[in-house]
Amino acid sequence: MKYIYKTRWWMKWWYPSLIWEIKTSSKDVYLTFDDGPHEEATSTALSVLESYGVQATFFMLGQNAIKHPKLVESVRNKGHRIGNHGMVHLSGWSTSTGQYVADA
C-alpha cells in the first residue's frame, strides 16, 4: 500500500477552496495519533509523551473507544485532546459522501 506523505499538487488544484497551508513564523509542532485507542500503542504513546512533558491530540475511532473506555479516560486525564476519527474508519476512496459523513 502506498501512503501519501505530502499533499499532491493536483489535490490543491482540484480543491482550491480548502486551506492547504498557513504561512507562519511560529515554530510549533502538533502531534496527532489516529485510529486508537489501542491498548499497547496508546499506552506506549502516553508514556513517551509524559516522559517529555508533551501534549498531543488523539483522533479516536468510535468502535475502539467503546472497546477501551479506560484508555479514553487515561488520555483525557493526562490532559491530551481527543478528536473524532469516525466510527469504523471507512475508506474515503470507496465510500459515498453520505455514508462517510454519517460515520462521523
PDB file of N, CA and C in Angstrom:
ATOM      1  N   MET A   1       0.844  -1.172   0.000  1.00  0.00           N
ATOM      2  CA  MET A   1       0.000   0.000   0.000  1.00  0.00           C
ATOM      3  C   MET A   1       0.894   1.241   0.000  1.00  0.00           C
ATOM      4  N   LYS A   2       0.573   2.197  -0.826  1.00  0.00           N
ATOM      5  CA  LYS A   2       1.339   3.432  -0.923  1.00  0.00           C
ATOM      6  C   LYS A   2       0.629   4.532  -0.130  1.00  0.00           C
ATOM      7  N   TYR A   3       1.377   5.222   0.706  1.00  0.00           N
ATOM      8  CA  TYR A   3       0.825   6.296   1.521  1.00  0.00           C
ATOM      9  C   TYR A   3       1.251   7.640   0.951  1.00  0.00           C
ATOM     10  N   ILE A   4       0.407   8.630   1.108  1.00  0.00           N
ATOM     11  CA  ILE A   4       0.722   9.988   0.676  1.00  0.00           C
ATOM     12  C   ILE A   4       1.301  10.723   1.874  1.00  0.00           C
ATOM     13  N   TYR A   5       2.566  11.102   1.779  1.00  0.00           N
ATOM     14  CA  TYR A   5       3.207  11.829   2.868  1.00  0.00           C
ATOM     15  C   TYR A   5       3.174  13.329   2.637  1.00  0.00           C
ATOM     16  N   LYS A   6       2.951  13.728   1.410  1.00  0.00           N
ATOM     17  CA  LYS A   6       2.880  15.138   1.079  1.00  0.00           C
ATOM     18  C   LYS A   6       1.694  15.304   0.137  1.00  0.00           C
ATOM     19  N   THR A   7       0.960  16.387   0.331  1.00  0.00           N
ATOM     20  CA  THR A   7      -0.219  16.628  -0.497  1.00  0.00           C
ATOM     21  C   THR A   7       0.197  16.767  -1.957  1.00  0.00           C
ATOM     22  N   ARG A   8      -0.444  16.034  -2.818  1.00  0.00           N
ATOM     23  CA  ARG A   8      -0.150  16.096  -4.249  1.00  0.00           C
ATOM     24  C   ARG A   8      -0.654  17.417  -4.821  1.00  0.00           C
ATOM     25  N   TRP A   9       0.074  17.953  -5.794  1.00  0.00           N
ATOM     26  CA  TRP A   9      -0.256  19.256  -6.389  1.00  0.00           C
ATOM     27  C   TRP A   9      -1.674  19.277  -6.929  1.00  0.00           C
ATOM     28  N   TRP A  10      -2.103  18.174  -7.520  1.00  0.00           N
ATOM     29  CA  TRP A  10      -3.411  18.156  -8.154  1.00  0.00           C
ATOM     30  C   TRP A  10      -4.546  18.227  -7.132  1.00  0.00           C
ATOM     31  N   MET A  11      -4.317  17.799  -5.904  1.00  0.00           N
ATOM     32  CA  MET A  11      -5.366  17.898  -4.888  1.00  0.00           C
ATOM     33  C   MET A  11      -5.631  19.360  -4.553  1.00  0.00           C
ATOM     34  N   LYS A  12      -4.558  20.146  -4.466  1.00  0.00           N
ATOM     35  CA  LYS A  12      -4.716  21.576  -4.205  1.00  0.00           C
ATOM     36  C   LYS A  12      -5.435  22.245  -5.375  1.00  0.00           C
ATOM     37  N   TRP A  13      -5.131  21.804  -6.583  1.00  0.00           N
ATOM     38  CA  TRP A  13      -5.776  22.351  -7.781  1.00  0.00           C
ATOM     39  C   TRP A  13      -7.245  21.944  -7.821  1.00  0.00           C
ATOM     40  N   TRP A  14      -7.540  20.694  -7.499  1.00  0.00           N
ATOM     41  CA  TRP A  14      -8.896  20.153  -7.569  1.00  0.00           C
ATOM     42  C   TRP A  14      -9.807  20.747  -6.491  1.00  0.00           C
ATOM     43  N   TYR A  15      -9.235  21.055  -5.327  1.00  0.00           N
ATOM     44  CA  TYR A  15      -9.994  21.608  -4.201  1.00  0.00           C
ATOM     45  C   TYR A  15      -9.414  22.957  -3.781  1.00  0.00           C
ATOM     46  N   PRO A  16      -9.528  23.977  -4.630  1.00  0.00           N
ATOM     47  CA  PRO A  16      -8.890  25.256  -4.336  1.00  0.00           C
ATOM     48  C   PRO A  16      -9.514  26.009  -3.159  1.00  0.00           C
ATOM     49  N   SER A  17     -10.731  25.681  -2.782  1.00  0.00           N
ATOM     50  CA  SER A  17     -11.377  26.414  -1.684  1.00  0.00           C
ATOM     51  C   SER A  17     -10.927  25.924  -0.302  1.00  0.00           C
ATOM     52  N   LEU A  18     -10.205  24.796  -0.258  1.00  0.00           N
ATOM     53  CA  LEU A  18      -9.735  24.280   1.026  1.00  0.00           C
ATOM     54  C   LEU A  18      -8.463  24.996   1.456  1.00  0.00           C
ATOM     55  N   ILE A  19      -8.227  25.021   2.750  1.00  0.00           N
ATOM     56  CA  ILE A  19      -6.994  25.618   3.278  1.00  0.00           C
ATOM     57  C   ILE A  19      -5.934  24.520   3.302  1.00  0.00           C
ATOM     58  N   TRP A  20      -4.878  24.706   2.546  1.00  0.00           N
ATOM     59  CA  TRP A  20      -3.825  23.698   2.441  1.00  0.00           C
ATOM     60  C   TRP A  20      -2.600  24.028   3.275  1.00  0.00           C
ATOM     61  N   GLU A  21      -2.382  25.300   3.551  1.00  0.00           N
ATOM     62  CA  GLU A  21      -1.261  25.684   4.396  1.00  0.00           C
ATOM     63  C   GLU A  21      -1.506  27.085   4.926  1.00  0.00           C
ATOM     64  N   ILE A  22      -0.864  27.373   6.022  1.00  0.00           N
ATOM     65  CA  ILE A  22      -0.940  28.700   6.616  1.00  0.00           C
ATOM     66  C   ILE A  22       0.497  29.157   6.842  1.00  0.00           C
ATOM     67  N   LYS A  23       0.864  30.237   6.218  1.00  0.00           N
ATOM     68  CA  LYS A  23       2.204  30.784   6.374  1.00  0.00           C
ATOM     69  C   LYS A  23       2.330  31.369   7.780  1.00  0.00           C
ATOM     70  N   THR A  24       3.393  31.008   8.475  1.00  0.00           N
ATOM     71  CA  THR A  24       3.609  31.497   9.830  1.00  0.00           C
ATOM     72  C   THR A  24       5.096  31.467  10.159  1.00  0.00           C
ATOM     73  N   SER A  25       5.490  32.287  11.074  1.00  0.00           N
ATOM     74  CA  SER A  25       6.876  32.258  11.536  1.00  0.00           C
ATOM     75  C   SER A  25       6.990  31.430  12.818  1.00  0.00           C
ATOM     76  N   SER A  26       5.863  30.949  13.321  1.00  0.00           N
ATOM     77  CA  SER A  26       5.827  30.134  14.530  1.00  0.00           C
ATOM     78  C   SER A  26       6.512  28.792  14.286  1.00  0.00           C
ATOM     79  N   LYS A  27       7.171  28.274  15.292  1.00  0.00           N
ATOM     80  CA  LYS A  27       7.886  27.005  15.173  1.00  0.00           C
ATOM     81  C   LYS A  27       7.190  25.913  15.990  1.00  0.00           C
ATOM     82  N   ASP A  28       5.870  25.878  15.929  1.00  0.00           N
ATOM     83  CA  ASP A  28       5.093  24.905  16.685  1.00  0.00           C
ATOM     84  C   ASP A  28       4.961  23.595  15.930  1.00  0.00           C
ATOM     85  N   VAL A  29       4.888  22.515  16.685  1.00  0.00           N
ATOM     86  CA  VAL A  29       4.640  21.185  16.126  1.00  0.00           C
ATOM     87  C   VAL A  29       3.427  20.614  16.858  1.00  0.00           C
ATOM     88  N   TYR A  30       2.497  20.051  16.097  1.00  0.00           N
ATOM     89  CA  TYR A  30       1.305  19.448  16.682  1.00  0.00           C
ATOM     90  C   TYR A  30       1.346  17.950  16.435  1.00  0.00           C
ATOM     91  N   LEU A  31       1.376  17.179  17.495  1.00  0.00           N
ATOM     92  CA  LEU A  31       1.419  15.722  17.380  1.00  0.00           C
ATOM     93  C   LEU A  31       0.004  15.169  17.404  1.00  0.00           C
ATOM     94  N   THR A  32      -0.265  14.267  16.468  1.00  0.00           N
ATOM     95  CA  THR A  32      -1.568  13.613  16.434  1.00  0.00           C
ATOM     96  C   THR A  32      -1.376  12.114  16.275  1.00  0.00           C
ATOM     97  N   PHE A  33      -2.301  11.374  16.838  1.00  0.00           N
ATOM     98  CA  PHE A  33      -2.318   9.919  16.719  1.00  0.00           C
ATOM     99  C   PHE A  33      -3.705   9.534  16.219  1.00  0.00           C
ATOM    100  N   ASP A  34      -3.768   8.639  15.246  1.00  0.00           N
ATOM    101  CA  ASP A  34      -5.041   8.246  14.628  1.00  0.00           C
ATOM    102  C   ASP A  34      -5.370   6.777  14.872  1.00  0.00           C
ATOM    103  N   ASP A  35      -6.655   6.491  14.900  1.00  0.00           N
ATOM    104  CA  ASP A  35      -7.228   5.148  14.876  1.00  0.00           C
ATOM    105  C   ASP A  35      -7.344   4.460  16.228  1.00  0.00           C
ATOM    106  N   GLY A  36      -6.814   5.002  17.268  1.00  0.00           N
ATOM    107  CA  GLY A  36      -6.891   4.384  18.581  1.00  0.00           C
ATOM    108  C   GLY A  36      -8.259   4.593  19.194  1.00  0.00           C
ATOM    109  N   PRO A  37      -8.386   4.320  20.458  1.00  0.00           N
ATOM    110  CA  PRO A  37      -7.285   3.857  21.278  1.00  0.00           C
ATOM    111  C   PRO A  37      -6.987   2.374  21.053  1.00  0.00           C
ATOM    112  N   HIS A  38      -5.723   2.047  21.233  1.00  0.00           N
ATOM    113  CA  HIS A  38      -5.228   0.686  21.087  1.00  0.00           C
ATOM    114  C   HIS A  38      -4.426   0.404  22.357  1.00  0.00           C
ATOM    115  N   GLU A  39      -4.681  -0.727  22.987  1.00  0.00           N
ATOM    116  CA  GLU A  39      -4.083  -0.989  24.302  1.00  0.00           C
ATOM    117  C   GLU A  39      -2.580  -0.753  24.339  1.00  0.00           C
ATOM    118  N   GLU A  40      -1.844  -1.375  23.485  1.00  0.00           N
ATOM    119  CA  GLU A  40      -0.389  -1.263  23.533  1.00  0.00           C
ATOM    120  C   GLU A  40       0.110   0.074  22.981  1.00  0.00           C
ATOM    121  N   ALA A  41      -0.373   0.460  21.801  1.00  0.00           N
ATOM    122  CA  ALA A  41       0.126   1.676  21.151  1.00  0.00           C
ATOM    123  C   ALA A  41      -0.226   2.935  21.938  1.00  0.00           C
ATOM    124  N   THR A  42      -1.453   3.029  22.410  1.00  0.00           N
ATOM    125  CA  THR A  42      -1.871   4.227  23.146  1.00  0.00           C
ATOM    126  C   THR A  42      -1.142   4.323  24.477  1.00  0.00           C
ATOM    127  N   SER A  43      -1.006   3.216  25.172  1.00  0.00           N
ATOM    128  CA  SER A  43      -0.301   3.221  26.455  1.00  0.00           C
ATOM    129  C   SER A  43       1.160   3.627  26.273  1.00  0.00           C
ATOM    130  N   THR A  44       1.794   3.103  25.226  1.00  0.00           N
ATOM    131  CA  THR A  44       3.183   3.457  24.943  1.00  0.00           C
ATOM    132  C   THR A  44       3.297   4.936  24.602  1.00  0.00           C
ATOM    133  N   ALA A  45       2.414   5.424  23.745  1.00  0.00           N
ATOM    134  CA  ALA A  45       2.441   6.837  23.363  1.00  0.00           C
ATOM    135  C   ALA A  45       2.263   7.726  24.581  1.00  0.00           C
ATOM    136  N   LEU A  46       1.336   7.377  25.465  1.00  0.00           N
ATOM    137  CA  LEU A  46       1.118   8.174  26.674  1.00  0.00           C
ATOM    138  C   LEU A  46       2.361   8.219  27.550  1.00  0.00           C
ATOM    139  N   SER A  47       3.034   7.095  27.683  1.00  0.00           N
ATOM    140  CA  SER A  47       4.258   7.042  28.499  1.00  0.00           C
ATOM    141  C   SER A  47       5.358   7.912  27.914  1.00  0.00           C
ATOM    142  N   VAL A  48       5.565   7.805  26.613  1.00  0.00           N
ATOM    143  CA  VAL A  48       6.614   8.599  25.964  1.00  0.00           C
ATOM    144  C   VAL A  48       6.280  10.084  26.050  1.00  0.00           C
ATOM    145  N   LEU A  49       5.041  10.439  25.754  1.00  0.00           N
ATOM    146  CA  LEU A  49       4.640  11.844  25.822  1.00  0.00           C
ATOM    147  C   LEU A  49       4.832  12.400  27.228  1.00  0.00           C
ATOM    148  N   GLU A  50       4.463  11.618  28.221  1.00  0.00           N
ATOM    149  CA  GLU A  50       4.608  12.071  29.606  1.00  0.00           C
ATOM    150  C   GLU A  50       6.081  12.261  29.967  1.00  0.00           C
ATOM    151  N   SER A  51       6.948  11.372  29.493  1.00  0.00           N
ATOM    152  CA  SER A  51       8.368  11.487  29.827  1.00  0.00           C
ATOM    153  C   SER A  51       8.994  12.764  29.271  1.00  0.00           C
ATOM    154  N   TYR A  52       8.417  13.301  28.189  1.00  0.00           N
ATOM    155  CA  TYR A  52       8.909  14.542  27.595  1.00  0.00           C
ATOM    156  C   TYR A  52       8.058  15.757  27.951  1.00  0.00           C
ATOM    157  N   GLY A  53       6.997  15.545  28.704  1.00  0.00           N
ATOM    158  CA  GLY A  53       6.113  16.649  29.071  1.00  0.00           C
ATOM    159  C   GLY A  53       5.408  17.254  27.877  1.00  0.00           C
ATOM    160  N   VAL A  54       5.001  16.398  26.954  1.00  0.00           N
ATOM    161  CA  VAL A  54       4.404  16.842  25.693  1.00  0.00           C
ATOM    162  C   VAL A  54       2.930  16.441  25.638  1.00  0.00           C
ATOM    163  N   GLN A  55       2.120  17.311  25.055  1.00  0.00           N
ATOM    164  CA  GLN A  55       0.697  17.030  24.848  1.00  0.00           C
ATOM    165  C   GLN A  55       0.467  16.694  23.375  1.00  0.00           C
ATOM    166  N   ALA A  56      -0.583  15.937  23.099  1.00  0.00           N
ATOM    167  CA  ALA A  56      -0.926  15.550  21.729  1.00  0.00           C
ATOM    168  C   ALA A  56      -2.439  15.477  21.594  1.00  0.00           C
ATOM    169  N   THR A  57      -2.878  15.266  20.375  1.00  0.00           N
ATOM    170  CA  THR A  57      -4.294  15.036  20.097  1.00  0.00           C
ATOM    171  C   THR A  57      -4.447  13.613  19.592  1.00  0.00           C
ATOM    172  N   PHE A  58      -5.372  12.889  20.165  1.00  0.00           N
ATOM    173  CA  PHE A  58      -5.651  11.509  19.784  1.00  0.00           C
ATOM    174  C   PHE A  58      -6.978  11.483  19.033  1.00  0.00           C
ATOM    175  N   PHE A  59      -6.927  11.207  17.732  1.00  0.00           N
ATOM    176  CA  PHE A  59      -8.142  11.071  16.937  1.00  0.00           C
ATOM    177  C   PHE A  59      -8.565   9.611  17.026  1.00  0.00           C
ATOM    178  N   MET A  60      -9.683   9.384  17.694  1.00  0.00           N
ATOM    179  CA  MET A  60     -10.095   8.025  18.024  1.00  0.00           C
ATOM    180  C   MET A  60     -11.248   7.535  17.173  1.00  0.00           C
ATOM    181  N   LEU A  61     -11.208   6.249  16.889  1.00  0.00           N
ATOM    182  CA  LEU A  61     -12.326   5.578  16.231  1.00  0.00           C
ATOM    183  C   LEU A  61     -13.353   5.224  17.306  1.00  0.00           C
ATOM    184  N   GLY A  62     -14.613   5.486  17.016  1.00  0.00           N
ATOM    185  CA  GLY A  62     -15.668   5.193  17.966  1.00  0.00           C
ATOM    186  C   GLY A  62     -15.685   3.743  18.403  1.00  0.00           C
ATOM    187  N   GLN A  63     -15.499   2.821  17.451  1.00  0.00           N
ATOM    188  CA  GLN A  63     -15.538   1.401  17.807  1.00  0.00           C
ATOM    189  C   GLN A  63     -14.407   1.033  18.764  1.00  0.00           C
ATOM    190  N   ASN A  64     -13.257   1.682  18.638  1.00  0.00           N
ATOM    191  CA  ASN A  64     -12.148   1.400  19.541  1.00  0.00           C
ATOM    192  C   ASN A  64     -12.348   2.076  20.892  1.00  0.00           C
ATOM    193  N   ALA A  65     -12.931   3.269  20.883  1.00  0.00           N
ATOM    194  CA  ALA A  65     -13.198   3.984  22.135  1.00  0.00           C
ATOM    195  C   ALA A  65     -14.198   3.199  22.985  1.00  0.00           C
ATOM    196  N   ILE A  66     -15.182   2.595  22.332  1.00  0.00           N
ATOM    197  CA  ILE A  66     -16.171   1.778  23.049  1.00  0.00           C
ATOM    198  C   ILE A  66     -15.493   0.556  23.667  1.00  0.00           C
ATOM    199  N   LYS A  67     -14.545  -0.056  22.948  1.00  0.00           N
ATOM    200  CA  LYS A  67     -13.837  -1.236  23.452  1.00  0.00           C
ATOM    201  C   LYS A  67     -12.881  -0.906  24.593  1.00  0.00           C
ATOM    202  N   HIS A  68     -12.338   0.329  24.597  1.00  0.00           N
ATOM    203  CA  HIS A  68     -11.289   0.683  25.558  1.00  0.00           C
ATOM    204  C   HIS A  68     -11.603   1.989  26.297  1.00  0.00           C
ATOM    205  N   PRO A  69     -12.704   2.023  27.042  1.00  0.00           N
ATOM    206  CA  PRO A  69     -13.087   3.269  27.720  1.00  0.00           C
ATOM    207  C   PRO A  69     -12.053   3.740  28.745  1.00  0.00           C
ATOM    208  N   LYS A  70     -11.342   2.827  29.371  1.00  0.00           N
ATOM    209  CA  LYS A  70     -10.331   3.229  30.361  1.00  0.00           C
ATOM    210  C   LYS A  70      -9.169   3.954  29.682  1.00  0.00           C
ATOM    211  N   LEU A  71      -8.818   3.544  28.478  1.00  0.00           N
ATOM    212  CA  LEU A  71      -7.764   4.242  27.739  1.00  0.00           C
ATOM    213  C   LEU A  71      -8.213   5.643  27.339  1.00  0.00           C
ATOM    214  N   VAL A  72      -9.464   5.771  26.930  1.00  0.00           N
ATOM    215  CA  VAL A  72     -10.008   7.087  26.584  1.00  0.00           C
ATOM    216  C   VAL A  72      -9.914   7.997  27.806  1.00  0.00           C
ATOM    217  N   GLU A  73     -10.305   7.490  28.948  1.00  0.00           N
ATOM    218  CA  GLU A  73     -10.254   8.266  30.185  1.00  0.00           C
ATOM    219  C   GLU A  73      -8.814   8.612  30.561  1.00  0.00           C
ATOM    220  N   SER A  74      -7.902   7.692  30.343  1.00  0.00           N
ATOM    221  CA  SER A  74      -6.494   7.940  30.640  1.00  0.00           C
ATOM    222  C   SER A  74      -5.929   9.056  29.770  1.00  0.00           C
ATOM    223  N   VAL A  75      -6.273   9.030  28.489  1.00  0.00           N
ATOM    224  CA  VAL A  75      -5.838  10.091  27.577  1.00  0.00           C
ATOM    225  C   VAL A  75      -6.366  11.433  28.072  1.00  0.00           C
ATOM    226  N   ARG A  76      -7.631  11.478  28.406  1.00  0.00           N
ATOM    227  CA  ARG A  76      -8.267  12.712  28.882  1.00  0.00           C
ATOM    228  C   ARG A  76      -7.637  13.175  30.200  1.00  0.00           C
ATOM    229  N   ASN A  77      -7.436  12.246  31.131  1.00  0.00           N
ATOM    230  CA  ASN A  77      -6.894  12.602  32.446  1.00  0.00           C
ATOM    231  C   ASN A  77      -5.467  13.132  32.374  1.00  0.00           C
ATOM    232  N   LYS A  78      -4.732  12.747  31.355  1.00  0.00           N
ATOM    233  CA  LYS A  78      -3.358  13.226  31.202  1.00  0.00           C
ATOM    234  C   LYS A  78      -3.299  14.552  30.446  1.00  0.00           C
ATOM    235  N   GLY A  79      -4.474  15.122  30.144  1.00  0.00           N
ATOM    236  CA  GLY A  79      -4.522  16.456  29.565  1.00  0.00           C
ATOM    237  C   GLY A  79      -4.420  16.538  28.058  1.00  0.00           C
ATOM    238  N   HIS A  80      -4.493  15.403  27.376  1.00  0.00           N
ATOM    239  CA  HIS A  80      -4.429  15.402  25.921  1.00  0.00           C
ATOM    240  C   HIS A  80      -5.806  15.715  25.340  1.00  0.00           C
ATOM    241  N   ARG A  81      -5.816  16.097  24.092  1.00  0.00           N
ATOM    242  CA  ARG A  81      -7.084  16.358  23.400  1.00  0.00           C
ATOM    243  C   ARG A  81      -7.538  15.092  22.690  1.00  0.00           C
ATOM    244  N   ILE A  82      -8.846  14.981  22.539  1.00  0.00           N
ATOM    245  CA  ILE A  82      -9.435  13.836  21.850  1.00  0.00           C
ATOM    246  C   ILE A  82     -10.274  14.354  20.696  1.00  0.00           C
ATOM    247  N   GLY A  83     -10.076  13.752  19.521  1.00  0.00           N
ATOM    248  CA  GLY A  83     -10.844  14.110  18.341  1.00  0.00           C
ATOM    249  C   GLY A  83     -11.539  12.892  17.763  1.00  0.00           C
ATOM    250  N   ASN A  84     -12.556  13.140  16.969  1.00  0.00           N
ATOM    251  CA  ASN A  84     -13.341  12.087  16.333  1.00  0.00           C
ATOM    252  C   ASN A  84     -12.696  11.695  15.006  1.00  0.00           C
ATOM    253  N   HIS A  85     -12.442  10.400  14.844  1.00  0.00           N
ATOM    254  CA  HIS A  85     -11.885   9.885  13.591  1.00  0.00           C
ATOM    255  C   HIS A  85     -12.897   8.960  12.910  1.00  0.00           C
ATOM    256  N   GLY A  86     -14.180   9.142  13.232  1.00  0.00           N
ATOM    257  CA  GLY A  86     -15.237   8.306  12.666  1.00  0.00           C
ATOM    258  C   GLY A  86     -15.517   7.119  13.561  1.00  0.00           C
ATOM    259  N   MET A  87     -16.504   6.361  13.168  1.00  0.00           N
ATOM    260  CA  MET A  87     -16.878   5.201  13.977  1.00  0.00           C
ATOM    261  C   MET A  87     -16.053   3.970  13.618  1.00  0.00           C
ATOM    262  N   VAL A  88     -15.883   3.712  12.306  1.00  0.00           N
ATOM    263  CA  VAL A  88     -15.223   2.461  11.899  1.00  0.00           C
ATOM    264  C   VAL A  88     -14.102   2.643  10.886  1.00  0.00           C
ATOM    265  N   HIS A  89     -13.717   3.842  10.570  1.00  0.00           N
ATOM    266  CA  HIS A  89     -12.643   4.148   9.620  1.00  0.00           C
ATOM    267  C   HIS A  89     -12.962   3.649   8.213  1.00  0.00           C
ATOM    268  N   LEU A  90     -13.948   4.269   7.620  1.00  0.00           N
ATOM    269  CA  LEU A  90     -14.315   3.958   6.243  1.00  0.00           C
ATOM    270  C   LEU A  90     -13.252   4.483   5.284  1.00  0.00           C
ATOM    271  N   SER A  91     -13.163   3.868   4.135  1.00  0.00           N
ATOM    272  CA  SER A  91     -12.251   4.336   3.096  1.00  0.00           C
ATOM    273  C   SER A  91     -12.897   5.508   2.356  1.00  0.00           C
ATOM    274  N   GLY A  92     -12.214   6.636   2.354  1.00  0.00           N
ATOM    275  CA  GLY A  92     -12.731   7.803   1.653  1.00  0.00           C
ATOM    276  C   GLY A  92     -12.778   7.629   0.156  1.00  0.00           C
ATOM    277  N   TRP A  93     -12.029   6.687  -0.364  1.00  0.00           N
ATOM    278  CA  TRP A  93     -11.969   6.474  -1.815  1.00  0.00           C
ATOM    279  C   TRP A  93     -13.113   5.597  -2.309  1.00  0.00           C
ATOM    280  N   SER A  94     -13.625   4.715  -1.453  1.00  0.00           N
ATOM    281  CA  SER A  94     -14.646   3.776  -1.931  1.00  0.00           C
ATOM    282  C   SER A  94     -15.979   3.911  -1.198  1.00  0.00           C
ATOM    283  N   THR A  95     -16.166   4.987  -0.448  1.00  0.00           N
ATOM    284  CA  THR A  95     -17.390   5.200   0.308  1.00  0.00           C
ATOM    285  C   THR A  95     -18.080   6.460  -0.198  1.00  0.00           C
ATOM    286  N   SER A  96     -19.395   6.411  -0.303  1.00  0.00           N
ATOM    287  CA  SER A  96     -20.124   7.596  -0.752  1.00  0.00           C
ATOM    288  C   SER A  96     -19.989   8.707   0.284  1.00  0.00           C
ATOM    289  N   THR A  97     -20.154   9.925  -0.149  1.00  0.00           N
ATOM    290  CA  THR A  97     -20.055  11.071   0.753  1.00  0.00           C
ATOM    291  C   THR A  97     -21.065  10.950   1.884  1.00  0.00           C
ATOM    292  N   GLY A  98     -22.292  10.546   1.562  1.00  0.00           N
ATOM    293  CA  GLY A  98     -23.325  10.400   2.583  1.00  0.00           C
ATOM    294  C   GLY A  98     -22.961   9.389   3.649  1.00  0.00           C
ATOM    295  N   GLN A  99     -22.454   8.227   3.236  1.00  0.00           N
ATOM    296  CA  GLN A  99     -22.042   7.200   4.195  1.00  0.00           C
ATOM    297  C   GLN A  99     -20.877   7.694   5.031  1.00  0.00           C
ATOM    298  N   TYR A 100     -19.929   8.363   4.395  1.00  0.00           N
ATOM    299  CA  TYR A 100     -18.735   8.847   5.076  1.00  0.00           C
ATOM    300  C   TYR A 100     -19.120   9.868   6.143  1.00  0.00           C
ATOM    301  N   VAL A 101     -19.985  10.807   5.813  1.00  0.00           N
ATOM    302  CA  VAL A 101     -20.425  11.830   6.766  1.00  0.00           C
ATOM    303  C   VAL A 101     -21.228  11.184   7.892  1.00  0.00           C
ATOM    304  N   ALA A 102     -22.058  10.214   7.566  1.00  0.00           N
ATOM    305  CA  ALA A 102     -22.863   9.551   8.576  1.00  0.00           C
ATOM    306  C   ALA A 102     -22.009   8.774   9.578  1.00  0.00           C
ATOM    307  N   ASP A 103     -20.814   8.348   9.175  1.00  0.00           N
ATOM    308  CA  ASP A 103     -19.925   7.595  10.049  1.00  0.00           C
ATOM    309  C   ASP A 103     -19.334   8.458  11.156  1.00  0.00           C
ATOM    310  N   ALA A 104     -19.310   9.763  10.953  1.00  0.00           N
ATOM    311  CA  ALA A 104     -18.721  10.660  11.954  1.00  0.00           C
ATOM    312  C   ALA A 104     -19.566  10.649  13.179  1.00  0.00           C
TER     313      ALA A 104
END
